[in-house]
């Protein structure tokens, strides 16, 4: 899976807002963890204010993927940035509901 992840990832910088939008598609699992982490950290580093995630086309999402998001969120907070989820598909929503972590990725989150 790791080899195919770059084709399932779209990153768009929005200079006016200072945010970077990252769109993920397909199955994201523990095999793609390293590529996912590098991609999200790269997007975070290239942004001014943080990254916005569009996960509505993710068909599979596991706890390893969530752990990557949590680690990237911690890094963002250290840099005075944020990670938000703009949209999430059913697979992502289920994991976020079960772990009660969605509030960590809302636009209103300050810490």
C-alpha atoms as a PDB file:
ATOM      1  CA  UNK A   1       0.000   0.000   0.000  1.00  0.00           C
ATOM      2  CA  UNK A   2       2.791   2.464   0.819  1.00  0.00           C
ATOM      3  CA  UNK A   3       3.981   2.576  -2.775  1.00  0.00           C
ATOM      4  CA  UNK A   4       0.551   3.618  -4.048  1.00  0.00           C
ATOM      5  CA  UNK A   5      -0.204   6.293  -1.438  1.00  0.00           C
ATOM      6  CA  UNK A   6       1.417   9.216  -3.303  1.00  0.00           C
ATOM      7  CA  UNK A   7      -1.186   8.710  -6.032  1.00  0.00           C
ATOM      8  CA  UNK A   8      -3.968   8.933  -3.475  1.00  0.00           C
ATOM      9  CA  UNK A   9      -2.757  12.205  -2.002  1.00  0.00           C
ATOM     10  CA  UNK A  10      -3.382  15.710  -3.295  1.00  0.00           C
ATOM     11  CA  UNK A  11      -1.788  18.763  -1.678  1.00  0.00           C
ATOM     12  CA  UNK A  12      -2.854  22.306  -2.557  1.00  0.00           C
ATOM     13  CA  UNK A  13      -1.351  25.444  -1.030  1.00  0.00           C
ATOM     14  CA  UNK A  14      -3.621  28.444  -0.607  1.00  0.00           C
ATOM     15  CA  UNK A  15      -1.336  31.479  -0.187  1.00  0.00           C
ATOM     16  CA  UNK A  16      -4.133  33.910   0.701  1.00  0.00           C
ATOM     17  CA  UNK A  17      -5.265  31.914   3.702  1.00  0.00           C
ATOM     18  CA  UNK A  18      -1.821  30.565   4.573  1.00  0.00           C
ATOM     19  CA  UNK A  19      -3.269  27.057   4.808  1.00  0.00           C
ATOM     20  CA  UNK A  20      -2.563  23.915   2.836  1.00  0.00           C
ATOM     21  CA  UNK A  21      -5.381  21.586   1.811  1.00  0.00           C
ATOM     22  CA  UNK A  22      -4.548  17.869   1.768  1.00  0.00           C
ATOM     23  CA  UNK A  23      -6.977  15.484   0.054  1.00  0.00           C
ATOM     24  CA  UNK A  24      -6.630  11.747   0.744  1.00  0.00           C
ATOM     25  CA  UNK A  25      -8.440   9.000  -1.183  1.00  0.00           C
ATOM     26  CA  UNK A  26      -8.675   5.236  -0.912  1.00  0.00           C
ATOM     27  CA  UNK A  27      -7.518   2.862   1.802  1.00  0.00           C
ATOM     28  CA  UNK A  28      -5.068   4.336   4.294  1.00  0.00           C
ATOM     29  CA  UNK A  29      -3.626   1.788   6.712  1.00  0.00           C
ATOM     30  CA  UNK A  30      -0.542   0.878   8.746  1.00  0.00           C
ATOM     31  CA  UNK A  31       1.406   0.010   5.568  1.00  0.00           C
ATOM     32  CA  UNK A  32       1.107   3.619   4.406  1.00  0.00           C
ATOM     33  CA  UNK A  33       1.940   5.158   7.799  1.00  0.00           C
ATOM     34  CA  UNK A  34       5.448   6.406   6.914  1.00  0.00           C
ATOM     35  CA  UNK A  35       4.423   7.939   3.599  1.00  0.00           C
ATOM     36  CA  UNK A  36       1.364   9.522   5.210  1.00  0.00           C
ATOM     37  CA  UNK A  37       3.486  11.023   7.989  1.00  0.00           C
ATOM     38  CA  UNK A  38       6.098  12.425   5.591  1.00  0.00           C
ATOM     39  CA  UNK A  39       3.409  13.858   3.313  1.00  0.00           C
ATOM     40  CA  UNK A  40       1.474  15.543   6.112  1.00  0.00           C
ATOM     41  CA  UNK A  41       4.600  16.923   7.790  1.00  0.00           C
ATOM     42  CA  UNK A  42       5.771  18.273   4.430  1.00  0.00           C
ATOM     43  CA  UNK A  43       2.399  19.946   3.863  1.00  0.00           C
ATOM     44  CA  UNK A  44       2.474  21.355   7.402  1.00  0.00           C
ATOM     45  CA  UNK A  45       5.982  22.733   6.953  1.00  0.00           C
ATOM     46  CA  UNK A  46       5.031  24.442   3.692  1.00  0.00           C
ATOM     47  CA  UNK A  47       1.991  26.123   5.229  1.00  0.00           C
ATOM     48  CA  UNK A  48       1.861  29.369   7.160  1.00  0.00           C
ATOM     49  CA  UNK A  49      -1.065  28.534   9.468  1.00  0.00           C
ATOM     50  CA  UNK A  50      -1.605  24.791   9.119  1.00  0.00           C
ATOM     51  CA  UNK A  51      -3.321  22.123   7.083  1.00  0.00           C
ATOM     52  CA  UNK A  52      -6.931  21.296   6.281  1.00  0.00           C
ATOM     53  CA  UNK A  53      -7.715  17.650   5.560  1.00  0.00           C
ATOM     54  CA  UNK A  54     -10.335  16.376   3.151  1.00  0.00           C
ATOM     55  CA  UNK A  55     -10.876  12.716   4.030  1.00  0.00           C
ATOM     56  CA  UNK A  56     -14.320  12.195   2.502  1.00  0.00           C
ATOM     57  CA  UNK A  57     -13.011   9.746  -0.136  1.00  0.00           C
ATOM     58  CA  UNK A  58     -11.031   7.586   2.314  1.00  0.00           C
ATOM     59  CA  UNK A  59     -12.478   4.068   2.170  1.00  0.00           C
ATOM     60  CA  UNK A  60     -10.413   2.542   4.994  1.00  0.00           C
ATOM     61  CA  UNK A  61      -8.851   4.269   8.014  1.00  0.00           C
ATOM     62  CA  UNK A  62      -7.203   2.521  10.936  1.00  0.00           C
ATOM     63  CA  UNK A  63      -5.721   3.499  14.284  1.00  0.00           C
ATOM     64  CA  UNK A  64      -2.222   3.759  12.796  1.00  0.00           C
ATOM     65  CA  UNK A  65      -3.554   6.482  10.496  1.00  0.00           C
ATOM     66  CA  UNK A  66      -5.166   8.242  13.439  1.00  0.00           C
ATOM     67  CA  UNK A  67      -1.879   8.062  15.354  1.00  0.00           C
ATOM     68  CA  UNK A  68      -0.165   9.797  12.437  1.00  0.00           C
ATOM     69  CA  UNK A  69      -2.775  12.580  12.555  1.00  0.00           C
ATOM     70  CA  UNK A  70      -2.325  12.979  16.299  1.00  0.00           C
ATOM     71  CA  UNK A  71       1.463  13.202  15.934  1.00  0.00           C
ATOM     72  CA  UNK A  72       1.165  15.766  13.122  1.00  0.00           C
ATOM     73  CA  UNK A  73      -1.305  17.741  15.245  1.00  0.00           C
ATOM     74  CA  UNK A  74       1.201  17.842  18.138  1.00  0.00           C
ATOM     75  CA  UNK A  75       3.891  19.067  15.750  1.00  0.00           C
ATOM     76  CA  UNK A  76       1.532  21.706  14.365  1.00  0.00           C
ATOM     77  CA  UNK A  77       0.714  22.994  17.841  1.00  0.00           C
ATOM     78  CA  UNK A  78       4.433  23.258  18.646  1.00  0.00           C
ATOM     79  CA  UNK A  79       4.792  25.446  15.546  1.00  0.00           C
ATOM     80  CA  UNK A  80       1.730  27.581  16.348  1.00  0.00           C
ATOM     81  CA  UNK A  81      -0.272  25.952  13.541  1.00  0.00           C
ATOM     82  CA  UNK A  82      -3.345  23.725  13.374  1.00  0.00           C
ATOM     83  CA  UNK A  83      -4.620  20.595  11.652  1.00  0.00           C
ATOM     84  CA  UNK A  84      -8.317  20.546  10.824  1.00  0.00           C
ATOM     85  CA  UNK A  85     -10.563  18.001   9.154  1.00  0.00           C
ATOM     86  CA  UNK A  86     -12.800  19.695   6.596  1.00  0.00           C
ATOM     87  CA  UNK A  87     -14.620  16.542   5.520  1.00  0.00           C
ATOM     88  CA  UNK A  88     -14.519  12.873   6.470  1.00  0.00           C
ATOM     89  CA  UNK A  89     -16.036   9.757   4.964  1.00  0.00           C
ATOM     90  CA  UNK A  90     -17.779   7.047   6.996  1.00  0.00           C
ATOM     91  CA  UNK A  91     -14.583   5.026   7.648  1.00  0.00           C
ATOM     92  CA  UNK A  92     -12.799   8.040   9.120  1.00  0.00           C
ATOM     93  CA  UNK A  93     -15.858   9.266  11.007  1.00  0.00           C
ATOM     94  CA  UNK A  94     -16.239   5.874  12.683  1.00  0.00           C
ATOM     95  CA  UNK A  95     -12.669   5.858  14.021  1.00  0.00           C
ATOM     96  CA  UNK A  96     -12.960   9.487  15.152  1.00  0.00           C
ATOM     97  CA  UNK A  97     -16.260   8.728  16.926  1.00  0.00           C
ATOM     98  CA  UNK A  98     -14.939   5.609  18.650  1.00  0.00           C
ATOM     99  CA  UNK A  99     -11.833   7.441  19.869  1.00  0.00           C
ATOM    100  CA  UNK A 100     -13.601  10.749  20.608  1.00  0.00           C
ATOM    101  CA  UNK A 101     -10.866  12.616  18.731  1.00  0.00           C
ATOM    102  CA  UNK A 102     -12.892  14.666  16.226  1.00  0.00           C
ATOM    103  CA  UNK A 103     -12.944  17.721  18.528  1.00  0.00           C
ATOM    104  CA  UNK A 104      -9.138  17.831  18.291  1.00  0.00           C
ATOM    105  CA  UNK A 105      -9.400  18.530  14.569  1.00  0.00           C
ATOM    106  CA  UNK A 106     -12.130  21.159  14.412  1.00  0.00           C
ATOM    107  CA  UNK A 107     -11.508  24.747  13.369  1.00  0.00           C
ATOM    108  CA  UNK A 108     -12.418  25.954  16.858  1.00  0.00           C
ATOM    109  CA  UNK A 109      -9.598  23.991  18.503  1.00  0.00           C
ATOM    110  CA  UNK A 110      -7.060  26.332  20.094  1.00  0.00           C
ATOM    111  CA  UNK A 111      -4.888  23.725  21.878  1.00  0.00           C
END
